[in-house]
Amino acid sequence: MSDEVVQTEQEDEADSSASMATPAKKCRTMCRYQASWADKFPWSSKVAGNVFAVKCLLCRKTVSVEHGGSWDLIQHEKTESHKLAVHLASTVKRDAVNASALQVCSLQSSLARKK
């Protein structure tokens, strides 16, 4: 009988120690800037001194890529501030192209008048 008591006490201790152990925490891998992202996200730039962040050249915001990597950049593209910055950049670029075309036309016409 004493063997049975000792055996059940050992089983109880094993069960209680297993239930008392905390589950192992899931380690997160910290993502770093990758140069290959420049092809997919041409508006992105590496942040000097911070390998865990990307600078948005359009809306001038620093985006952390520490935990999500390229997913964080995809999410940033969906923000209203980024969409507005893209729209403004395309408008300014279009206006610059139009201004350059006007300058070329005026130069051509002035050259034609001189002849």
Protein backbone atom coordinates (compact mmCIF):
# COMPACT_ATOMS: atom_id res chain seq x y z
CA MET A 1 0.00 0.00 0.00
CA SER A 2 2.80 2.40 0.71
CA ASP A 3 4.09 1.85 -2.85
CA GLU A 4 0.71 2.90 -4.25
CA VAL A 5 0.65 6.06 -2.12
CA VAL A 6 4.16 7.05 -3.17
CA GLN A 7 3.37 6.40 -6.82
CA THR A 8 0.21 8.54 -6.79
CA GLU A 9 2.02 11.36 -4.97
CA GLN A 10 4.69 11.36 -7.67
CA GLU A 11 2.01 11.45 -10.38
CA ASP A 12 0.26 14.35 -8.61
CA GLU A 13 3.54 16.28 -8.42
CA ALA A 14 4.22 15.66 -12.11
CA ASP A 15 0.70 16.85 -13.05
CA SER A 16 0.93 19.97 -10.89
CA SER A 17 4.40 20.89 -12.19
CA ALA A 18 3.19 20.52 -15.78
CA SER A 19 0.18 22.74 -15.17
CA MET A 20 2.33 25.33 -13.36
CA ALA A 21 4.78 25.67 -16.25
CA THR A 22 4.02 28.71 -18.37
CA PRO A 23 3.78 28.19 -22.10
CA ALA A 24 6.82 29.27 -24.05
CA LYS A 25 6.46 32.77 -25.48
CA LYS A 26 6.46 33.05 -29.21
CA CYS A 27 9.55 34.94 -30.34
CA ARG A 28 9.00 37.53 -33.02
CA THR A 29 11.53 37.94 -35.74
CA MET A 30 12.41 41.56 -36.31
CA CYS A 31 12.35 42.49 -39.99
CA ARG A 32 14.97 44.74 -41.52
CA TYR A 33 14.89 46.94 -44.60
CA GLN A 34 15.50 44.99 -47.79
CA ALA A 35 16.88 46.63 -50.92
CA SER A 36 14.55 44.47 -53.05
CA TRP A 37 11.60 46.45 -51.68
CA ALA A 38 12.71 49.46 -53.75
CA ASP A 39 11.44 47.71 -56.91
CA LYS A 40 7.99 47.01 -55.53
CA PHE A 41 7.71 50.20 -53.49
CA PRO A 42 9.55 52.94 -55.46
CA TRP A 43 8.39 55.55 -52.97
CA SER A 44 10.35 53.88 -50.16
CA SER A 45 13.83 54.69 -48.96
CA LYS A 46 16.11 53.29 -46.29
CA VAL A 47 16.25 55.30 -43.07
CA ALA A 48 19.79 56.20 -42.04
CA GLY A 49 20.62 54.69 -38.67
CA ASN A 50 17.45 52.58 -38.41
CA VAL A 51 17.35 49.26 -40.25
CA PHE A 52 13.84 48.56 -38.91
CA ALA A 53 12.18 51.51 -40.69
CA VAL A 54 11.46 52.84 -44.17
CA LYS A 55 10.93 56.45 -45.21
CA CYS A 56 8.03 57.24 -47.54
CA LEU A 57 9.37 59.78 -50.03
CA LEU A 58 5.87 60.95 -50.97
CA CYS A 59 4.20 61.64 -47.64
CA ARG A 60 7.51 61.96 -45.75
CA LYS A 61 6.51 59.51 -43.03
CA THR A 62 8.69 56.92 -41.37
CA VAL A 63 7.10 53.47 -41.47
CA SER A 64 8.20 50.73 -39.09
CA VAL A 65 8.79 47.38 -40.78
CA GLU A 66 10.01 45.78 -37.58
CA HIS A 67 7.26 43.20 -37.18
CA GLY A 68 5.42 43.08 -40.49
CA GLY A 69 8.12 43.61 -43.10
CA SER A 70 6.72 44.30 -46.55
CA TRP A 71 3.18 43.84 -45.17
CA ASP A 72 3.68 47.09 -43.25
CA LEU A 73 4.52 48.84 -46.52
CA ILE A 74 1.42 47.39 -48.19
CA GLN A 75 -0.68 48.69 -45.29
CA HIS A 76 0.97 52.12 -45.57
CA GLU A 77 0.01 52.30 -49.26
CA LYS A 78 -3.62 51.92 -48.22
CA THR A 79 -3.61 54.92 -45.87
CA GLU A 80 -5.43 58.09 -46.89
CA SER A 81 -2.36 60.26 -46.35
CA HIS A 82 -0.31 58.13 -48.76
CA LYS A 83 -3.07 58.05 -51.38
CA LEU A 84 -3.34 61.84 -51.20
CA ALA A 85 0.44 62.21 -51.52
CA VAL A 86 0.42 59.94 -54.60
CA HIS A 87 -2.34 62.02 -56.16
CA LEU A 88 -0.54 65.29 -55.46
CA ALA A 89 2.75 63.92 -56.79
CA SER A 90 1.13 62.80 -60.03
CA THR A 91 -0.54 66.21 -60.43
CA VAL A 92 2.73 68.07 -59.85
CA LYS A 93 4.58 65.74 -62.23
CA ARG A 94 1.91 66.23 -64.90
CA ASP A 95 2.10 70.02 -64.46
CA ALA A 96 5.91 69.91 -64.72
CA VAL A 97 5.69 67.91 -67.94
CA ASN A 98 3.18 70.41 -69.34
CA ALA A 99 5.42 73.32 -68.35
CA SER A 100 8.41 71.67 -70.04
CA ALA A 101 6.38 71.10 -73.18
CA LEU A 102 5.37 74.78 -73.20
CA GLN A 103 9.00 75.83 -72.85
CA VAL A 104 10.01 73.61 -75.78
CA CYS A 105 7.19 75.03 -77.91
CA SER A 106 8.13 78.61 -77.09
CA LEU A 107 11.79 77.92 -77.89
CA GLN A 108 10.84 76.36 -81.22
CA SER A 109 8.63 79.29 -82.13
CA SER A 110 11.31 81.83 -81.18
CA LEU A 111 13.87 79.93 -83.29
CA ALA A 112 11.44 79.86 -86.22
CA ARG A 113 10.95 83.63 -85.97
CA LYS A 114 14.70 84.25 -86.07
CA LYS A 115 15.04 82.38 -89.37
